[in-house]
Amino acid sequence: MKMKLKKGDMVQVISGKDKGKTGTILTVFPDTNQVVIDGVGMVKRHIRKTRGQSGQIVERPRAINASNVMFIDPKDKKPTRIGRKVEDGKIVRFAKKSGTTLK
């Protein structure tokens, strides 16, 4: 099944330790059904020192299962599901709560 979420979509986390946080999608992994969201699910990565550079600890967002996030409706700023329909011979996405067509 094709994922309905795309890079750049505004989403809200609905379960897990970051429940309630919102952010934009940075990366989508359709084969594993996961998404990476800016500022959500942060993990610390230890980087080994190399020649001319000291070791450090870097925080990066980790991938979250797409079933744990909901799309935020651009019209009323509330979580909604996404549907797909055919308009003028093209498949377009729309927010199910308000019915607005998405880009």
PDB file of N, CA and C in Angstrom:
ATOM      1  N   MET A   1       0.837  -1.187   0.000  1.00  0.00           N
ATOM      2  CA  MET A   1       0.000   0.000   0.000  1.00  0.00           C
ATOM      3  C   MET A   1       0.878   1.246   0.000  1.00  0.00           C
ATOM      4  N   LYS A   2       0.502   2.213  -0.771  1.00  0.00           N
ATOM      5  CA  LYS A   2       1.285   3.435  -0.891  1.00  0.00           C
ATOM      6  C   LYS A   2       1.063   4.335   0.331  1.00  0.00           C
ATOM      7  N   MET A   3       2.159   4.961   0.798  1.00  0.00           N
ATOM      8  CA  MET A   3       2.048   5.879   1.933  1.00  0.00           C
ATOM      9  C   MET A   3       1.375   7.174   1.490  1.00  0.00           C
ATOM     10  N   LYS A   4       0.538   7.722   2.363  1.00  0.00           N
ATOM     11  CA  LYS A   4      -0.161   8.955   2.044  1.00  0.00           C
ATOM     12  C   LYS A   4       0.588  10.179   2.561  1.00  0.00           C
ATOM     13  N   LEU A   5       1.598   9.981   3.408  1.00  0.00           N
ATOM     14  CA  LEU A   5       2.397  11.084   3.924  1.00  0.00           C
ATOM     15  C   LEU A   5       3.557  11.357   2.976  1.00  0.00           C
ATOM     16  N   LYS A   6       3.922  12.640   2.863  1.00  0.00           N
ATOM     17  CA  LYS A   6       5.024  13.027   1.983  1.00  0.00           C
ATOM     18  C   LYS A   6       5.977  13.950   2.721  1.00  0.00           C
ATOM     19  N   LYS A   7       7.168  14.108   2.158  1.00  0.00           N
ATOM     20  CA  LYS A   7       8.163  15.022   2.706  1.00  0.00           C
ATOM     21  C   LYS A   7       7.603  16.442   2.712  1.00  0.00           C
ATOM     22  N   GLY A   8       7.773  17.143   3.834  1.00  0.00           N
ATOM     23  CA  GLY A   8       7.279  18.499   3.960  1.00  0.00           C
ATOM     24  C   GLY A   8       5.917  18.616   4.609  1.00  0.00           C
ATOM     25  N   ASP A   9       5.217  17.494   4.828  1.00  0.00           N
ATOM     26  CA  ASP A   9       3.917  17.530   5.486  1.00  0.00           C
ATOM     27  C   ASP A   9       4.068  17.872   6.958  1.00  0.00           C
ATOM     28  N   MET A  10       3.116  18.624   7.499  1.00  0.00           N
ATOM     29  CA  MET A  10       3.078  18.949   8.927  1.00  0.00           C
ATOM     30  C   MET A  10       2.278  17.849   9.621  1.00  0.00           C
ATOM     31  N   VAL A  11       2.893  17.196  10.620  1.00  0.00           N
ATOM     32  CA  VAL A  11       2.243  16.082  11.308  1.00  0.00           C
ATOM     33  C   VAL A  11       2.331  16.254  12.822  1.00  0.00           C
ATOM     34  N   GLN A  12       1.485  15.489  13.536  1.00  0.00           N
ATOM     35  CA  GLN A  12       1.486  15.468  14.994  1.00  0.00           C
ATOM     36  C   GLN A  12       1.661  14.026  15.436  1.00  0.00           C
ATOM     37  N   VAL A  13       2.511  13.808  16.463  1.00  0.00           N
ATOM     38  CA  VAL A  13       2.735  12.471  17.003  1.00  0.00           C
ATOM     39  C   VAL A  13       1.560  12.130  17.904  1.00  0.00           C
ATOM     40  N   ILE A  14       0.962  10.935  17.717  1.00  0.00           N
ATOM     41  CA  ILE A  14      -0.221  10.560  18.491  1.00  0.00           C
ATOM     42  C   ILE A  14       0.059   9.476  19.523  1.00  0.00           C
ATOM     43  N   SER A  15       1.276   8.907  19.538  1.00  0.00           N
ATOM     44  CA  SER A  15       1.600   7.921  20.566  1.00  0.00           C
ATOM     45  C   SER A  15       3.105   7.855  20.766  1.00  0.00           C
ATOM     46  N   GLY A  16       3.514   7.374  21.927  1.00  0.00           N
ATOM     47  CA  GLY A  16       4.929   7.254  22.244  1.00  0.00           C
ATOM     48  C   GLY A  16       5.390   8.364  23.166  1.00  0.00           C
ATOM     49  N   LYS A  17       6.711   8.428  23.383  1.00  0.00           N
ATOM     50  CA  LYS A  17       7.257   9.398  24.336  1.00  0.00           C
ATOM     51  C   LYS A  17       7.116  10.843  23.873  1.00  0.00           C
ATOM     52  N   ASP A  18       6.959  11.066  22.584  1.00  0.00           N
ATOM     53  CA  ASP A  18       6.828  12.424  22.043  1.00  0.00           C
ATOM     54  C   ASP A  18       5.389  12.754  21.666  1.00  0.00           C
ATOM     55  N   LYS A  19       4.420  12.099  22.315  1.00  0.00           N
ATOM     56  CA  LYS A  19       3.007  12.307  22.003  1.00  0.00           C
ATOM     57  C   LYS A  19       2.636  13.779  22.148  1.00  0.00           C
ATOM     58  N   GLY A  20       1.948  14.318  21.123  1.00  0.00           N
ATOM     59  CA  GLY A  20       1.505  15.701  21.145  1.00  0.00           C
ATOM     60  C   GLY A  20       2.431  16.662  20.425  1.00  0.00           C
ATOM     61  N   LYS A  21       3.673  16.262  20.150  1.00  0.00           N
ATOM     62  CA  LYS A  21       4.607  17.152  19.456  1.00  0.00           C
ATOM     63  C   LYS A  21       4.264  17.209  17.966  1.00  0.00           C
ATOM     64  N   THR A  22       4.568  18.367  17.364  1.00  0.00           N
ATOM     65  CA  THR A  22       4.329  18.533  15.937  1.00  0.00           C
ATOM     66  C   THR A  22       5.631  18.889  15.236  1.00  0.00           C
ATOM     67  N   GLY A  23       5.687  18.629  13.957  1.00  0.00           N
ATOM     68  CA  GLY A  23       6.864  18.955  13.159  1.00  0.00           C
ATOM     69  C   GLY A  23       6.632  18.594  11.706  1.00  0.00           C
ATOM     70  N   THR A  24       7.596  18.978  10.871  1.00  0.00           N
ATOM     71  CA  THR A  24       7.496  18.659   9.444  1.00  0.00           C
ATOM     72  C   THR A  24       8.304  17.400   9.147  1.00  0.00           C
ATOM     73  N   ILE A  25       7.857  16.655   8.164  1.00  0.00           N
ATOM     74  CA  ILE A  25       8.528  15.414   7.778  1.00  0.00           C
ATOM     75  C   ILE A  25       9.775  15.759   6.973  1.00  0.00           C
ATOM     76  N   LEU A  26      10.926  15.208   7.410  1.00  0.00           N
ATOM     77  CA  LEU A  26      12.192  15.418   6.708  1.00  0.00           C
ATOM     78  C   LEU A  26      12.450  14.317   5.685  1.00  0.00           C
ATOM     79  N   THR A  27      12.157  13.071   6.064  1.00  0.00           N
ATOM     80  CA  THR A  27      12.421  11.922   5.207  1.00  0.00           C
ATOM     81  C   THR A  27      11.297  10.907   5.346  1.00  0.00           C
ATOM     82  N   VAL A  28      10.975  10.214   4.261  1.00  0.00           N
ATOM     83  CA  VAL A  28       9.960   9.170   4.271  1.00  0.00           C
ATOM     84  C   VAL A  28      10.600   7.868   3.807  1.00  0.00           C
ATOM     85  N   PHE A  29      10.364   6.770   4.545  1.00  0.00           N
ATOM     86  CA  PHE A  29      10.851   5.447   4.179  1.00  0.00           C
ATOM     87  C   PHE A  29       9.644   4.542   3.918  1.00  0.00           C
ATOM     88  N   PRO A  30       9.123   4.506   2.676  1.00  0.00           N
ATOM     89  CA  PRO A  30       7.914   3.733   2.401  1.00  0.00           C
ATOM     90  C   PRO A  30       8.090   2.230   2.558  1.00  0.00           C
ATOM     91  N   ASP A  31       9.298   1.703   2.327  1.00  0.00           N
ATOM     92  CA  ASP A  31       9.504   0.257   2.433  1.00  0.00           C
ATOM     93  C   ASP A  31       9.376  -0.238   3.869  1.00  0.00           C
ATOM     94  N   THR A  32       9.734   0.604   4.871  1.00  0.00           N
ATOM     95  CA  THR A  32       9.607   0.214   6.272  1.00  0.00           C
ATOM     96  C   THR A  32       8.455   0.948   6.966  1.00  0.00           C
ATOM     97  N   ASN A  33       7.712   1.774   6.224  1.00  0.00           N
ATOM     98  CA  ASN A  33       6.568   2.533   6.740  1.00  0.00           C
ATOM     99  C   ASN A  33       6.972   3.455   7.887  1.00  0.00           C
ATOM    100  N   GLN A  34       8.106   4.163   7.728  1.00  0.00           N
ATOM    101  CA  GLN A  34       8.598   5.060   8.757  1.00  0.00           C
ATOM    102  C   GLN A  34       8.832   6.452   8.198  1.00  0.00           C
ATOM    103  N   VAL A  35       8.809   7.443   9.119  1.00  0.00           N
ATOM    104  CA  VAL A  35       9.072   8.835   8.753  1.00  0.00           C
ATOM    105  C   VAL A  35      10.025   9.441   9.771  1.00  0.00           C
ATOM    106  N   VAL A  36      10.824  10.417   9.331  1.00  0.00           N
ATOM    107  CA  VAL A  36      11.704  11.177  10.222  1.00  0.00           C
ATOM    108  C   VAL A  36      11.116  12.584  10.307  1.00  0.00           C
ATOM    109  N   ILE A  37      10.855  13.034  11.556  1.00  0.00           N
ATOM    110  CA  ILE A  37      10.215  14.329  11.782  1.00  0.00           C
ATOM    111  C   ILE A  37      11.208  15.257  12.466  1.00  0.00           C
ATOM    112  N   ASP A  38      11.257  16.501  12.012  1.00  0.00           N
ATOM    113  CA  ASP A  38      12.179  17.489  12.552  1.00  0.00           C
ATOM    114  C   ASP A  38      11.892  17.763  14.034  1.00  0.00           C
ATOM    115  N   GLY A  39      12.884  17.502  14.908  1.00  0.00           N
ATOM    116  CA  GLY A  39      12.769  17.796  16.334  1.00  0.00           C
ATOM    117  C   GLY A  39      12.004  16.780  17.149  1.00  0.00           C
ATOM    118  N   VAL A  40      11.601  15.656  16.568  1.00  0.00           N
ATOM    119  CA  VAL A  40      10.831  14.637  17.281  1.00  0.00           C
ATOM    120  C   VAL A  40      11.615  13.326  17.289  1.00  0.00           C
ATOM    121  N   GLY A  41      11.626  12.644  18.429  1.00  0.00           N
ATOM    122  CA  GLY A  41      12.328  11.360  18.545  1.00  0.00           C
ATOM    123  C   GLY A  41      13.830  11.533  18.516  1.00  0.00           C
ATOM    124  N   MET A  42      14.329  12.528  19.227  1.00  0.00           N
ATOM    125  CA  MET A  42      15.762  12.818  19.200  1.00  0.00           C
ATOM    126  C   MET A  42      16.555  11.744  19.958  1.00  0.00           C
ATOM    127  N   VAL A  43      17.666  11.298  19.358  1.00  0.00           N
ATOM    128  CA  VAL A  43      18.584  10.344  19.984  1.00  0.00           C
ATOM    129  C   VAL A  43      19.989  10.929  19.924  1.00  0.00           C
ATOM    130  N   LYS A  44      20.814  10.525  20.889  1.00  0.00           N
ATOM    131  CA  LYS A  44      22.194  11.016  20.927  1.00  0.00           C
ATOM    132  C   LYS A  44      23.106  10.012  20.244  1.00  0.00           C
ATOM    133  N   ARG A  45      23.946  10.508  19.332  1.00  0.00           N
ATOM    134  CA  ARG A  45      24.903   9.677  18.609  1.00  0.00           C
ATOM    135  C   ARG A  45      26.297  10.122  19.014  1.00  0.00           C
ATOM    136  N   HIS A  46      27.134   9.172  19.415  1.00  0.00           N
ATOM    137  CA  HIS A  46      28.510   9.475  19.792  1.00  0.00           C
ATOM    138  C   HIS A  46      29.385   9.329  18.553  1.00  0.00           C
ATOM    139  N   ILE A  47      30.140  10.377  18.245  1.00  0.00           N
ATOM    140  CA  ILE A  47      31.006  10.375  17.071  1.00  0.00           C
ATOM    141  C   ILE A  47      32.455  10.261  17.531  1.00  0.00           C
ATOM    142  N   ARG A  48      33.143   9.287  16.980  1.00  0.00           N
ATOM    143  CA  ARG A  48      34.548   9.034  17.337  1.00  0.00           C
ATOM    144  C   ARG A  48      35.438  10.161  16.828  1.00  0.00           C
ATOM    145  N   LYS A  49      36.472  10.460  17.583  1.00  0.00           N
ATOM    146  CA  LYS A  49      37.384  11.510  17.131  1.00  0.00           C
ATOM    147  C   LYS A  49      38.187  11.018  15.933  1.00  0.00           C
ATOM    148  N   THR A  50      38.471  11.947  15.034  1.00  0.00           N
ATOM    149  CA  THR A  50      39.280  11.648  13.865  1.00  0.00           C
ATOM    150  C   THR A  50      40.423  12.659  13.822  1.00  0.00           C
ATOM    151  N   ARG A  51      41.309  12.497  12.883  1.00  0.00           N
ATOM    152  CA  ARG A  51      42.440  13.405  12.779  1.00  0.00           C
ATOM    153  C   ARG A  51      41.954  14.839  12.554  1.00  0.00           C
ATOM    154  N   GLY A  52      42.317  15.745  13.435  1.00  0.00           N
ATOM    155  CA  GLY A  52      41.939  17.145  13.299  1.00  0.00           C
ATOM    156  C   GLY A  52      40.548  17.468  13.812  1.00  0.00           C
ATOM    157  N   GLN A  53      39.851  16.484  14.378  1.00  0.00           N
ATOM    158  CA  GLN A  53      38.502  16.744  14.873  1.00  0.00           C
ATOM    159  C   GLN A  53      38.287  15.956  16.155  1.00  0.00           C
ATOM    160  N   SER A  54      37.763  16.608  17.194  1.00  0.00           N
ATOM    161  CA  SER A  54      37.555  15.928  18.466  1.00  0.00           C
ATOM    162  C   SER A  54      36.249  15.139  18.430  1.00  0.00           C
ATOM    163  N   GLY A  55      36.143  14.172  19.334  1.00  0.00           N
ATOM    164  CA  GLY A  55      34.914  13.400  19.448  1.00  0.00           C
ATOM    165  C   GLY A  55      33.807  14.271  20.018  1.00  0.00           C
ATOM    166  N   GLN A  56      32.557  13.921  19.707  1.00  0.00           N
ATOM    167  CA  GLN A  56      31.437  14.715  20.190  1.00  0.00           C
ATOM    168  C   GLN A  56      30.163  13.883  20.247  1.00  0.00           C
ATOM    169  N   ILE A  57      29.171  14.442  20.902  1.00  0.00           N
ATOM    170  CA  ILE A  57      27.857  13.813  20.977  1.00  0.00           C
ATOM    171  C   ILE A  57      26.893  14.692  20.189  1.00  0.00           C
ATOM    172  N   VAL A  58      26.210  14.091  19.220  1.00  0.00           N
ATOM    173  CA  VAL A  58      25.307  14.823  18.332  1.00  0.00           C
ATOM    174  C   VAL A  58      23.895  14.281  18.517  1.00  0.00           C
ATOM    175  N   GLU A  59      22.909  15.182  18.572  1.00  0.00           N
ATOM    176  CA  GLU A  59      21.517  14.761  18.643  1.00  0.00           C
ATOM    177  C   GLU A  59      20.905  14.793  17.252  1.00  0.00           C
ATOM    178  N   ARG A  60      20.249  13.680  16.884  1.00  0.00           N
ATOM    179  CA  ARG A  60      19.607  13.571  15.581  1.00  0.00           C
ATOM    180  C   ARG A  60      18.216  12.986  15.754  1.00  0.00           C
ATOM    181  N   PRO A  61      17.267  13.324  14.871  1.00  0.00           N
ATOM    182  CA  PRO A  61      15.946  12.695  14.953  1.00  0.00           C
ATOM    183  C   PRO A  61      16.002  11.265  14.426  1.00  0.00           C
ATOM    184  N   ARG A  62      15.241  10.373  15.056  1.00  0.00           N
ATOM    185  CA  ARG A  62      15.192   8.982  14.610  1.00  0.00           C
ATOM    186  C   ARG A  62      13.887   8.739  13.862  1.00  0.00           C
ATOM    187  N   ALA A  63      13.836   7.643  13.137  1.00  0.00           N
ATOM    188  CA  ALA A  63      12.648   7.308  12.360  1.00  0.00           C
ATOM    189  C   ALA A  63      11.535   6.818  13.286  1.00  0.00           C
ATOM    190  N   ILE A  64      10.307   7.227  12.999  1.00  0.00           N
ATOM    191  CA  ILE A  64       9.126   6.845  13.760  1.00  0.00           C
ATOM    192  C   ILE A  64       8.166   6.153  12.802  1.00  0.00           C
ATOM    193  N   ASN A  65       7.448   5.152  13.300  1.00  0.00           N
ATOM    194  CA  ASN A  65       6.481   4.457  12.458  1.00  0.00           C
ATOM    195  C   ASN A  65       5.390   5.428  12.019  1.00  0.00           C
ATOM    196  N   ALA A  66       5.009   5.350  10.763  1.00  0.00           N
ATOM    197  CA  ALA A  66       4.037   6.287  10.194  1.00  0.00           C
ATOM    198  C   ALA A  66       2.658   6.138  10.825  1.00  0.00           C
ATOM    199  N   SER A  67       2.367   4.992  11.439  1.00  0.00           N
ATOM    200  CA  SER A  67       1.069   4.810  12.088  1.00  0.00           C
ATOM    201  C   SER A  67       0.970   5.610  13.380  1.00  0.00           C
ATOM    202  N   ASN A  68       2.090   6.118  13.896  1.00  0.00           N
ATOM    203  CA  ASN A  68       2.098   6.885  15.134  1.00  0.00           C
ATOM    204  C   ASN A  68       2.009   8.389  14.908  1.00  0.00           C
ATOM    205  N   VAL A  69       1.775   8.829  13.673  1.00  0.00           N
ATOM    206  CA  VAL A  69       1.642  10.255  13.383  1.00  0.00           C
ATOM    207  C   VAL A  69       0.361  10.499  12.589  1.00  0.00           C
ATOM    208  N   MET A  70      -0.179  11.716  12.738  1.00  0.00           N
ATOM    209  CA  MET A  70      -1.360  12.126  11.968  1.00  0.00           C
ATOM    210  C   MET A  70      -1.081  13.443  11.276  1.00  0.00           C
ATOM    211  N   PHE A  71      -1.573  13.556  10.077  1.00  0.00           N
ATOM    212  CA  PHE A  71      -1.442  14.769   9.276  1.00  0.00           C
ATOM    213  C   PHE A  71      -2.225  15.901   9.932  1.00  0.00           C
ATOM    214  N   ILE A  72      -1.676  17.122   9.917  1.00  0.00           N
ATOM    215  CA  ILE A  72      -2.370  18.282  10.472  1.00  0.00           C
ATOM    216  C   ILE A  72      -3.057  19.033   9.332  1.00  0.00           C
ATOM    217  N   ASP A  73      -4.372  19.191   9.473  1.00  0.00           N
ATOM    218  CA  ASP A  73      -5.186  19.867   8.465  1.00  0.00           C
ATOM    219  C   ASP A  73      -4.753  21.328   8.348  1.00  0.00           C
ATOM    220  N   PRO A  74      -4.401  21.800   7.136  1.00  0.00           N
ATOM    221  CA  PRO A  74      -3.955  23.192   6.993  1.00  0.00           C
ATOM    222  C   PRO A  74      -5.066  24.210   7.258  1.00  0.00           C
ATOM    223  N   LYS A  75      -6.320  23.798   7.160  1.00  0.00           N
ATOM    224  CA  LYS A  75      -7.435  24.723   7.341  1.00  0.00           C
ATOM    225  C   LYS A  75      -7.723  25.000   8.818  1.00  0.00           C
ATOM    226  N   ASP A  76      -7.909  23.941   9.631  1.00  0.00           N
ATOM    227  CA  ASP A  76      -8.262  24.157  11.036  1.00  0.00           C
ATOM    228  C   ASP A  76      -7.180  23.721  12.018  1.00  0.00           C
ATOM    229  N   LYS A  77      -6.001  23.351  11.529  1.00  0.00           N
ATOM    230  CA  LYS A  77      -4.834  23.035  12.362  1.00  0.00           C
ATOM    231  C   LYS A  77      -5.086  21.905  13.363  1.00  0.00           C
ATOM    232  N   LYS A  78      -5.921  20.927  12.995  1.00  0.00           N
ATOM    233  CA  LYS A  78      -6.193  19.773  13.844  1.00  0.00           C
ATOM    234  C   LYS A  78      -5.800  18.504  13.105  1.00  0.00           C
ATOM    235  N   PRO A  79      -5.444  17.430  13.842  1.00  0.00           N
ATOM    236  CA  PRO A  79      -5.073  16.172  13.183  1.00  0.00           C
ATOM    237  C   PRO A  79      -6.238  15.590  12.382  1.00  0.00           C
ATOM    238  N   THR A  80      -5.924  15.061  11.225  1.00  0.00           N
ATOM    239  CA  THR A  80      -6.933  14.462  10.364  1.00  0.00           C
ATOM    240  C   THR A  80      -6.319  13.320   9.568  1.00  0.00           C
ATOM    241  N   ARG A  81      -7.175  12.526   8.962  1.00  0.00           N
ATOM    242  CA  ARG A  81      -6.703  11.485   8.057  1.00  0.00           C
ATOM    243  C   ARG A  81      -6.635  12.048   6.639  1.00  0.00           C
ATOM    244  N   ILE A  82      -5.921  11.341   5.776  1.00  0.00           N
ATOM    245  CA  ILE A  82      -5.760  11.782   4.390  1.00  0.00           C
ATOM    246  C   ILE A  82      -6.445  10.783   3.477  1.00  0.00           C
ATOM    247  N   GLY A  83      -7.205  11.308   2.521  1.00  0.00           N
ATOM    248  CA  GLY A  83      -7.824  10.475   1.505  1.00  0.00           C
ATOM    249  C   GLY A  83      -7.236  10.798   0.144  1.00  0.00           C
ATOM    250  N   ARG A  84      -7.557   9.946  -0.842  1.00  0.00           N
ATOM    251  CA  ARG A  84      -7.092  10.180  -2.203  1.00  0.00           C
ATOM    252  C   ARG A  84      -8.283  10.066  -3.138  1.00  0.00           C
ATOM    253  N   LYS A  85      -8.361  11.002  -4.103  1.00  0.00           N
ATOM    254  CA  LYS A  85      -9.436  10.977  -5.084  1.00  0.00           C
ATOM    255  C   LYS A  85      -8.902  11.453  -6.426  1.00  0.00           C
ATOM    256  N   VAL A  86      -9.677  11.206  -7.471  1.00  0.00           N
ATOM    257  CA  VAL A  86      -9.271  11.581  -8.825  1.00  0.00           C
ATOM    258  C   VAL A  86      -9.947  12.893  -9.195  1.00  0.00           C
ATOM    259  N   GLU A  87      -9.135  13.884  -9.575  1.00  0.00           N
ATOM    260  CA  GLU A  87      -9.640  15.161 -10.067  1.00  0.00           C
ATOM    261  C   GLU A  87      -8.928  15.484 -11.372  1.00  0.00           C
ATOM    262  N   ASP A  88      -9.675  15.708 -12.409  1.00  0.00           N
ATOM    263  CA  ASP A  88      -9.132  16.030 -13.737  1.00  0.00           C
ATOM    264  C   ASP A  88      -8.130  14.979 -14.201  1.00  0.00           C
ATOM    265  N   GLY A  89      -8.390  13.713 -13.918  1.00  0.00           N
ATOM    266  CA  GLY A  89      -7.516  12.627 -14.354  1.00  0.00           C
ATOM    267  C   GLY A  89      -6.262  12.445 -13.521  1.00  0.00           C
ATOM    268  N   LYS A  90      -6.114  13.200 -12.434  1.00  0.00           N
ATOM    269  CA  LYS A  90      -4.949  13.079 -11.560  1.00  0.00           C
ATOM    270  C   LYS A  90      -5.401  12.674 -10.167  1.00  0.00           C
ATOM    271  N   ILE A  91      -4.583  11.873  -9.496  1.00  0.00           N
ATOM    272  CA  ILE A  91      -4.883  11.489  -8.121  1.00  0.00           C
ATOM    273  C   ILE A  91      -4.364  12.591  -7.202  1.00  0.00           C
ATOM    274  N   VAL A  92      -5.249  13.141  -6.373  1.00  0.00           N
ATOM    275  CA  VAL A  92      -4.876  14.197  -5.431  1.00  0.00           C
ATOM    276  C   VAL A  92      -5.218  13.749  -4.014  1.00  0.00           C
ATOM    277  N   ARG A  93      -4.473  14.302  -3.054  1.00  0.00           N
ATOM    278  CA  ARG A  93      -4.739  14.012  -1.647  1.00  0.00           C
ATOM    279  C   ARG A  93      -5.678  15.079  -1.089  1.00  0.00           C
ATOM    280  N   PHE A  94      -6.519  14.683  -0.122  1.00  0.00           N
ATOM    281  CA  PHE A  94      -7.389  15.659   0.526  1.00  0.00           C
ATOM    282  C   PHE A  94      -7.524  15.319   2.005  1.00  0.00           C
ATOM    283  N   ALA A  95      -7.740  16.357   2.818  1.00  0.00           N
ATOM    284  CA  ALA A  95      -7.938  16.181   4.257  1.00  0.00           C
ATOM    285  C   ALA A  95      -9.370  15.738   4.485  1.00  0.00           C
ATOM    286  N   LYS A  96      -9.563  14.633   5.207  1.00  0.00           N
ATOM    287  CA  LYS A  96     -10.897  14.082   5.378  1.00  0.00           C
ATOM    288  C   LYS A  96     -11.763  14.937   6.297  1.00  0.00           C
ATOM    289  N   LYS A  97     -11.157  15.668   7.242  1.00  0.00           N
ATOM    290  CA  LYS A  97     -11.938  16.459   8.189  1.00  0.00           C
ATOM    291  C   LYS A  97     -12.566  17.672   7.509  1.00  0.00           C
ATOM    292  N   SER A  98     -11.785  18.414   6.735  1.00  0.00           N
ATOM    293  CA  SER A  98     -12.303  19.640   6.114  1.00  0.00           C
ATOM    294  C   SER A  98     -12.592  19.476   4.627  1.00  0.00           C
ATOM    295  N   GLY A  99     -12.025  18.452   3.996  1.00  0.00           N
ATOM    296  CA  GLY A  99     -12.243  18.239   2.576  1.00  0.00           C
ATOM    297  C   GLY A  99     -11.338  19.064   1.672  1.00  0.00           C
ATOM    298  N   THR A 100     -10.389  19.813   2.241  1.00  0.00           N
ATOM    299  CA  THR A 100      -9.512  20.643   1.417  1.00  0.00           C
ATOM    300  C   THR A 100      -8.508  19.786   0.645  1.00  0.00           C
ATOM    301  N   THR A 101      -8.243  20.169  -0.580  1.00  0.00           N
ATOM    302  CA  THR A 101      -7.283  19.467  -1.423  1.00  0.00           C
ATOM    303  C   THR A 101      -5.869  19.887  -1.007  1.00  0.00           C
ATOM    304  N   LEU A 102      -4.964  18.904  -0.934  1.00  0.00           N
ATOM    305  CA  LEU A 102      -3.591  19.164  -0.531  1.00  0.00           C
ATOM    306  C   LEU A 102      -2.710  19.233  -1.753  1.00  0.00           C
ATOM    307  N   LYS A 103      -1.587  19.950  -1.625  1.00  0.00           N
ATOM    308  CA  LYS A 103      -0.662  20.088  -2.754  1.00  0.00           C
ATOM    309  C   LYS A 103       0.073  18.820  -3.049  1.00  0.00           C
TER     310      LYS A 103
END
